[in-house]
Amino acid sequence: MQMVITFMAVVAGLILSIAVALLAEEFIFGQVFRLFFAPRRVAANRARQGGLHLVQQTVPARTGQKR
């Protein structure tokens, strides 16, 4: 029984430590939660357009150029 209580205390300590670290990161940088809860506009626009569209870009090339 003591092993179970010790295990629960260790897990609770780890969860508390991660929660405090995330809160400190949010106060310092202010962008942690924005990564997790940002609206997915790009994916929604692609779904409405019917898939992935590639944009062609031109690259200057010389005659006889080797890769």
N, C-alpha and C. Protein backbone atom coordinates (compact mmCIF):
# COMPACT_ATOMS: atom_id res chain seq x y z
N MET A 1 0.82 -1.19 0.00
CA MET A 1 0.00 0.00 0.00
C MET A 1 0.86 1.26 0.00
N GLN A 2 1.97 1.18 0.69
CA GLN A 2 2.87 2.32 0.74
C GLN A 2 3.47 2.60 -0.64
N MET A 3 3.72 1.56 -1.42
CA MET A 3 4.25 1.72 -2.78
C MET A 3 3.24 2.47 -3.67
N VAL A 4 1.97 2.17 -3.51
CA VAL A 4 0.94 2.84 -4.30
C VAL A 4 0.87 4.31 -3.96
N ILE A 5 0.92 4.62 -2.67
CA ILE A 5 0.87 6.02 -2.24
C ILE A 5 2.11 6.77 -2.72
N THR A 6 3.27 6.12 -2.65
CA THR A 6 4.50 6.74 -3.14
C THR A 6 4.42 7.00 -4.64
N PHE A 7 3.92 6.03 -5.39
CA PHE A 7 3.77 6.19 -6.84
C PHE A 7 2.82 7.33 -7.16
N MET A 8 1.70 7.41 -6.44
CA MET A 8 0.74 8.49 -6.67
C MET A 8 1.36 9.85 -6.35
N ALA A 9 2.17 9.92 -5.32
CA ALA A 9 2.83 11.17 -4.96
C ALA A 9 3.83 11.60 -6.03
N VAL A 10 4.56 10.64 -6.57
CA VAL A 10 5.53 10.95 -7.63
C VAL A 10 4.83 11.44 -8.89
N VAL A 11 3.75 10.76 -9.29
CA VAL A 11 3.01 11.16 -10.48
C VAL A 11 2.38 12.54 -10.27
N ALA A 12 1.83 12.78 -9.10
CA ALA A 12 1.24 14.09 -8.81
C ALA A 12 2.30 15.18 -8.84
N GLY A 13 3.48 14.88 -8.34
CA GLY A 13 4.58 15.85 -8.38
C GLY A 13 5.01 16.16 -9.80
N LEU A 14 5.07 15.14 -10.64
CA LEU A 14 5.43 15.37 -12.04
C LEU A 14 4.38 16.22 -12.77
N ILE A 15 3.12 15.91 -12.54
CA ILE A 15 2.05 16.69 -13.18
C ILE A 15 2.07 18.13 -12.70
N LEU A 16 2.27 18.34 -11.41
CA LEU A 16 2.35 19.70 -10.88
C LEU A 16 3.55 20.44 -11.46
N SER A 17 4.67 19.75 -11.59
CA SER A 17 5.87 20.37 -12.14
C SER A 17 5.66 20.79 -13.59
N ILE A 18 5.03 19.95 -14.38
CA ILE A 18 4.76 20.30 -15.79
C ILE A 18 3.78 21.45 -15.88
N ALA A 19 2.76 21.47 -15.02
CA ALA A 19 1.78 22.55 -15.03
C ALA A 19 2.43 23.88 -14.68
N VAL A 20 3.28 23.89 -13.68
CA VAL A 20 3.97 25.13 -13.29
C VAL A 20 4.92 25.59 -14.39
N ALA A 21 5.61 24.65 -15.02
CA ALA A 21 6.52 25.01 -16.11
C ALA A 21 5.76 25.62 -17.29
N LEU A 22 4.61 25.03 -17.65
CA LEU A 22 3.81 25.60 -18.74
C LEU A 22 3.28 26.98 -18.39
N LEU A 23 2.88 27.17 -17.16
CA LEU A 23 2.39 28.48 -16.72
C LEU A 23 3.51 29.51 -16.76
N ALA A 24 4.70 29.14 -16.33
CA ALA A 24 5.85 30.05 -16.38
C ALA A 24 6.20 30.40 -17.83
N GLU A 25 6.18 29.41 -18.72
CA GLU A 25 6.45 29.68 -20.14
C GLU A 25 5.41 30.63 -20.72
N GLU A 26 4.16 30.44 -20.33
CA GLU A 26 3.10 31.32 -20.84
C GLU A 26 3.31 32.75 -20.36
N PHE A 27 3.68 32.92 -19.11
CA PHE A 27 3.91 34.27 -18.59
C PHE A 27 5.13 34.92 -19.22
N ILE A 28 6.17 34.13 -19.50
CA ILE A 28 7.40 34.69 -20.05
C ILE A 28 7.26 34.96 -21.54
N PHE A 29 6.82 33.97 -22.31
CA PHE A 29 6.79 34.10 -23.76
C PHE A 29 5.40 34.41 -24.31
N GLY A 30 4.37 33.91 -23.68
CA GLY A 30 3.01 34.21 -24.09
C GLY A 30 2.55 33.54 -25.36
N GLN A 31 3.20 32.46 -25.79
CA GLN A 31 2.82 31.83 -27.04
C GLN A 31 2.61 30.33 -26.92
N VAL A 32 2.69 29.79 -25.73
CA VAL A 32 2.58 28.33 -25.57
C VAL A 32 1.17 27.87 -25.88
N PHE A 33 0.18 28.49 -25.26
CA PHE A 33 -1.20 28.05 -25.45
C PHE A 33 -1.72 28.43 -26.82
N ARG A 34 -1.14 29.45 -27.44
CA ARG A 34 -1.55 29.83 -28.79
C ARG A 34 -1.22 28.72 -29.79
N LEU A 35 -0.16 27.97 -29.55
CA LEU A 35 0.19 26.85 -30.43
C LEU A 35 -0.85 25.74 -30.37
N PHE A 36 -1.37 25.48 -29.16
CA PHE A 36 -2.31 24.38 -28.99
C PHE A 36 -3.73 24.73 -29.40
N PHE A 37 -4.13 26.00 -29.19
CA PHE A 37 -5.52 26.37 -29.38
C PHE A 37 -5.75 27.34 -30.53
N ALA A 38 -4.78 27.50 -31.43
CA ALA A 38 -4.93 28.41 -32.56
C ALA A 38 -5.91 27.82 -33.57
N PRO A 39 -6.73 28.66 -34.19
CA PRO A 39 -7.65 28.14 -35.20
C PRO A 39 -6.87 27.64 -36.42
N ARG A 40 -7.35 26.59 -37.02
CA ARG A 40 -6.68 25.97 -38.17
C ARG A 40 -7.25 26.55 -39.46
N ARG A 41 -6.87 27.74 -39.82
CA ARG A 41 -7.41 28.40 -41.01
C ARG A 41 -6.89 27.78 -42.30
N VAL A 42 -5.62 27.42 -42.31
CA VAL A 42 -5.01 26.89 -43.52
C VAL A 42 -5.67 25.57 -43.90
N ALA A 43 -5.83 24.69 -42.94
CA ALA A 43 -6.43 23.39 -43.22
C ALA A 43 -7.89 23.54 -43.64
N ALA A 44 -8.60 24.48 -43.05
CA ALA A 44 -10.00 24.70 -43.42
C ALA A 44 -10.11 25.25 -44.83
N ASN A 45 -9.21 26.16 -45.20
CA ASN A 45 -9.23 26.71 -46.56
C ASN A 45 -8.90 25.64 -47.60
N ARG A 46 -7.97 24.76 -47.30
CA ARG A 46 -7.61 23.70 -48.24
C ARG A 46 -8.76 22.72 -48.40
N ALA A 47 -9.46 22.44 -47.32
CA ALA A 47 -10.59 21.52 -47.40
C ALA A 47 -11.71 22.11 -48.25
N ARG A 48 -11.92 23.41 -48.14
CA ARG A 48 -12.96 24.06 -48.96
C ARG A 48 -12.56 24.12 -50.43
N GLN A 49 -11.27 24.23 -50.70
CA GLN A 49 -10.81 24.34 -52.08
C GLN A 49 -10.68 22.98 -52.75
N GLY A 50 -10.79 21.93 -52.01
CA GLY A 50 -10.77 20.61 -52.61
C GLY A 50 -9.40 19.97 -52.65
N GLY A 51 -8.51 20.33 -51.78
CA GLY A 51 -7.22 19.65 -51.73
C GLY A 51 -6.05 20.60 -51.72
N LEU A 52 -4.89 20.04 -51.86
CA LEU A 52 -3.65 20.79 -51.80
C LEU A 52 -3.34 21.38 -53.16
N HIS A 53 -3.05 22.67 -53.19
CA HIS A 53 -2.68 23.35 -54.43
C HIS A 53 -1.24 23.83 -54.30
N LEU A 54 -0.43 23.47 -55.26
CA LEU A 54 0.96 23.89 -55.26
C LEU A 54 1.12 25.16 -56.08
N VAL A 55 1.97 26.05 -55.60
CA VAL A 55 2.24 27.29 -56.30
C VAL A 55 3.54 27.11 -57.06
N GLN A 56 3.49 27.33 -58.36
CA GLN A 56 4.69 27.18 -59.17
C GLN A 56 5.56 28.42 -59.02
N GLN A 57 6.85 28.20 -58.86
CA GLN A 57 7.80 29.29 -58.74
C GLN A 57 8.84 29.13 -59.83
N THR A 58 9.18 30.24 -60.44
CA THR A 58 10.17 30.19 -61.51
C THR A 58 11.57 30.35 -60.91
N VAL A 59 12.51 29.62 -61.50
CA VAL A 59 13.89 29.69 -61.08
C VAL A 59 14.73 29.96 -62.30
N PRO A 60 15.55 31.01 -62.27
CA PRO A 60 16.38 31.29 -63.43
C PRO A 60 17.41 30.18 -63.66
N ALA A 61 17.55 29.77 -64.91
CA ALA A 61 18.49 28.71 -65.24
C ALA A 61 19.30 29.14 -66.47
N ARG A 62 20.55 28.76 -66.49
CA ARG A 62 21.39 29.06 -67.65
C ARG A 62 21.45 27.84 -68.56
N THR A 63 21.71 28.06 -69.78
CA THR A 63 21.83 26.96 -70.73
C THR A 63 23.07 26.15 -70.38
N GLY A 64 22.92 24.85 -70.32
CA GLY A 64 24.04 23.97 -70.01
C GLY A 64 24.30 23.83 -68.52
N GLN A 65 23.41 24.31 -67.71
CA GLN A 65 23.60 24.24 -66.25
C GLN A 65 23.43 22.79 -65.79
N LYS A 66 24.34 22.34 -64.90
CA LYS A 66 24.29 20.98 -64.37
C LYS A 66 23.83 21.03 -62.91
N ARG A 67 23.24 19.95 -62.50
CA ARG A 67 22.82 19.85 -61.09
C ARG A 67 23.81 19.07 -60.30
